[in-house]
Amino acid sequence: MENIIAETILKQLGGWDRLVSMINAKNPINLFEGLSFRFSGSKITNHISIVLQANDTYSIEFGKIREIKYESVKRIHDIYAENLVNVIEDTTGLYLSI
């Protein structure tokens, strides 16, 4: 990846390899100010977008992709880096680490 913000987000989540092994993450997309990817194992959502805000917090959108339709499930704003993993785990019901 060449996007420093996306690379930082991945480090804060434990790295891409961990995301792949824990939640079957796939299709990473560098966003202008963040990262987006799909994953499996959650009945609630299968897509996440994480964007850095001007106040140095993150905004996360959880969504559901089915075929070519996208539905936003939940949006959470003003998340500090140290809370990213907890918010994702609480929302998806999946664990990002053992």
C-alpha atoms as a PDB file:
ATOM      1  CA  MET A   1       0.000   0.000   0.000  1.00  0.00           C
ATOM      2  CA  GLU A   2       1.166   3.496  -0.689  1.00  0.00           C
ATOM      3  CA  ASN A   3      -1.346   5.380   1.437  1.00  0.00           C
ATOM      4  CA  ILE A   4       0.227   6.283   4.793  1.00  0.00           C
ATOM      5  CA  ILE A   5      -3.164   6.718   6.471  1.00  0.00           C
ATOM      6  CA  ALA A   6      -4.354   3.293   5.271  1.00  0.00           C
ATOM      7  CA  GLU A   7      -1.081   1.712   6.418  1.00  0.00           C
ATOM      8  CA  THR A   8      -1.459   3.345   9.843  1.00  0.00           C
ATOM      9  CA  ILE A   9      -5.028   2.084  10.187  1.00  0.00           C
ATOM     10  CA  LEU A  10      -3.890  -1.433   9.291  1.00  0.00           C
ATOM     11  CA  LYS A  11      -1.163  -1.283  11.956  1.00  0.00           C
ATOM     12  CA  GLN A  12      -3.706  -0.103  14.532  1.00  0.00           C
ATOM     13  CA  LEU A  13      -5.930  -3.079  13.638  1.00  0.00           C
ATOM     14  CA  GLY A  14      -3.052  -5.562  13.953  1.00  0.00           C
ATOM     15  CA  GLY A  15      -1.951  -5.772  10.325  1.00  0.00           C
ATOM     16  CA  TRP A  16      -3.474  -7.088   7.108  1.00  0.00           C
ATOM     17  CA  ASP A  17      -2.360 -10.681   7.723  1.00  0.00           C
ATOM     18  CA  ARG A  18      -4.168 -10.727  11.062  1.00  0.00           C
ATOM     19  CA  LEU A  19      -7.339  -9.308   9.491  1.00  0.00           C
ATOM     20  CA  VAL A  20      -7.222 -11.967   6.792  1.00  0.00           C
ATOM     21  CA  SER A  21      -6.772 -14.789   9.292  1.00  0.00           C
ATOM     22  CA  MET A  22      -9.281 -13.528  11.883  1.00  0.00           C
ATOM     23  CA  ILE A  23     -12.151 -12.166   9.752  1.00  0.00           C
ATOM     24  CA  ASN A  24     -11.242 -13.265   6.211  1.00  0.00           C
ATOM     25  CA  ALA A  25     -10.636  -9.659   5.131  1.00  0.00           C
ATOM     26  CA  LYS A  26     -10.397  -9.109   1.386  1.00  0.00           C
ATOM     27  CA  ASN A  27     -10.518  -6.467  -1.323  1.00  0.00           C
ATOM     28  CA  PRO A  28      -8.664  -3.631   0.464  1.00  0.00           C
ATOM     29  CA  ILE A  29      -9.224  -0.224  -1.088  1.00  0.00           C
ATOM     30  CA  ASN A  30      -7.146   2.848  -0.281  1.00  0.00           C
ATOM     31  CA  LEU A  31      -9.447   5.768   0.324  1.00  0.00           C
ATOM     32  CA  PHE A  32      -8.210   9.350   0.169  1.00  0.00           C
ATOM     33  CA  GLU A  33      -8.129   9.574   3.968  1.00  0.00           C
ATOM     34  CA  GLY A  34      -8.588   5.946   4.992  1.00  0.00           C
ATOM     35  CA  LEU A  35      -9.219   2.321   4.179  1.00  0.00           C
ATOM     36  CA  SER A  36     -12.096   0.125   3.085  1.00  0.00           C
ATOM     37  CA  PHE A  37     -12.386  -3.664   2.886  1.00  0.00           C
ATOM     38  CA  ARG A  38     -14.803  -6.585   2.888  1.00  0.00           C
ATOM     39  CA  PHE A  39     -14.829  -9.435   5.381  1.00  0.00           C
ATOM     40  CA  SER A  40     -16.929 -12.433   6.306  1.00  0.00           C
ATOM     41  CA  GLY A  41     -18.286 -14.145   9.391  1.00  0.00           C
ATOM     42  CA  SER A  42     -20.700 -11.483  10.638  1.00  0.00           C
ATOM     43  CA  LYS A  43     -24.456 -11.695  10.056  1.00  0.00           C
ATOM     44  CA  ILE A  44     -24.768  -7.948  10.612  1.00  0.00           C
ATOM     45  CA  THR A  45     -22.227  -6.511   8.184  1.00  0.00           C
ATOM     46  CA  ASN A  46     -19.576  -7.529   5.642  1.00  0.00           C
ATOM     47  CA  HIS A  47     -17.958  -4.219   4.676  1.00  0.00           C
ATOM     48  CA  ILE A  48     -16.143  -1.508   6.593  1.00  0.00           C
ATOM     49  CA  SER A  49     -14.805   1.933   5.697  1.00  0.00           C
ATOM     50  CA  ILE A  50     -12.508   3.734   8.135  1.00  0.00           C
ATOM     51  CA  VAL A  51     -11.730   7.393   7.469  1.00  0.00           C
ATOM     52  CA  LEU A  52      -9.461   9.772   9.383  1.00  0.00           C
ATOM     53  CA  GLN A  53     -11.216  12.992  10.385  1.00  0.00           C
ATOM     54  CA  ALA A  54      -9.708  16.466  10.754  1.00  0.00           C
ATOM     55  CA  ASN A  55      -9.850  16.204  14.571  1.00  0.00           C
ATOM     56  CA  ASP A  56      -7.522  13.133  14.468  1.00  0.00           C
ATOM     57  CA  THR A  57     -10.306  10.660  15.219  1.00  0.00           C
ATOM     58  CA  TYR A  58     -11.852   8.084  12.918  1.00  0.00           C
ATOM     59  CA  SER A  59     -15.240   7.707  11.342  1.00  0.00           C
ATOM     60  CA  ILE A  60     -16.353   4.140  10.612  1.00  0.00           C
ATOM     61  CA  GLU A  61     -19.158   3.019   8.343  1.00  0.00           C
ATOM     62  CA  PHE A  62     -20.304  -0.578   8.480  1.00  0.00           C
ATOM     63  CA  GLY A  63     -22.234  -1.835   5.494  1.00  0.00           C
ATOM     64  CA  LYS A  64     -23.708  -4.912   3.884  1.00  0.00           C
ATOM     65  CA  ILE A  65     -22.893  -5.810   0.281  1.00  0.00           C
ATOM     66  CA  ARG A  66     -25.093  -8.303  -1.533  1.00  0.00           C
ATOM     67  CA  GLU A  67     -24.462  -8.828  -5.227  1.00  0.00           C
ATOM     68  CA  ILE A  68     -24.235  -5.226  -6.472  1.00  0.00           C
ATOM     69  CA  LYS A  69     -26.313  -3.586  -3.719  1.00  0.00           C
ATOM     70  CA  TYR A  70     -24.759  -1.723  -0.793  1.00  0.00           C
ATOM     71  CA  GLU A  71     -26.665  -0.915   2.382  1.00  0.00           C
ATOM     72  CA  SER A  72     -25.227   1.206   5.180  1.00  0.00           C
ATOM     73  CA  VAL A  73     -25.793  -0.558   8.497  1.00  0.00           C
ATOM     74  CA  LYS A  74     -24.144   1.720  11.065  1.00  0.00           C
ATOM     75  CA  ARG A  75     -21.980   4.848  11.217  1.00  0.00           C
ATOM     76  CA  ILE A  76     -19.871   5.816  14.191  1.00  0.00           C
ATOM     77  CA  HIS A  77     -17.899   9.058  14.461  1.00  0.00           C
ATOM     78  CA  ASP A  78     -15.139  10.423  16.692  1.00  0.00           C
ATOM     79  CA  ILE A  79     -13.420   7.123  17.450  1.00  0.00           C
ATOM     80  CA  TYR A  80      -9.914   7.352  18.854  1.00  0.00           C
ATOM     81  CA  ALA A  81      -7.243   5.009  17.461  1.00  0.00           C
ATOM     82  CA  GLU A  82      -7.045   2.999  20.677  1.00  0.00           C
ATOM     83  CA  ASN A  83     -10.781   2.224  20.417  1.00  0.00           C
ATOM     84  CA  LEU A  84     -10.863   1.069  16.777  1.00  0.00           C
ATOM     85  CA  VAL A  85     -10.515  -2.642  17.524  1.00  0.00           C
ATOM     86  CA  ASN A  86     -13.144  -2.576  20.293  1.00  0.00           C
ATOM     87  CA  VAL A  87     -15.683  -0.727  18.140  1.00  0.00           C
ATOM     88  CA  ILE A  88     -15.195  -3.152  15.249  1.00  0.00           C
ATOM     89  CA  GLU A  89     -15.416  -6.208  17.510  1.00  0.00           C
ATOM     90  CA  ASP A  90     -18.507  -4.898  19.321  1.00  0.00           C
ATOM     91  CA  THR A  91     -20.310  -4.006  16.086  1.00  0.00           C
ATOM     92  CA  THR A  92     -19.468  -7.111  14.043  1.00  0.00           C
ATOM     93  CA  GLY A  93     -19.361  -9.704  16.817  1.00  0.00           C
ATOM     94  CA  LEU A  94     -16.005 -10.869  15.405  1.00  0.00           C
ATOM     95  CA  TYR A  95     -12.620 -10.813  17.120  1.00  0.00           C
ATOM     96  CA  LEU A  96      -9.544  -9.233  15.553  1.00  0.00           C
ATOM     97  CA  SER A  97      -7.128 -11.042  17.873  1.00  0.00           C
ATOM     98  CA  ILE A  98      -6.962 -14.198  19.930  1.00  0.00           C
END
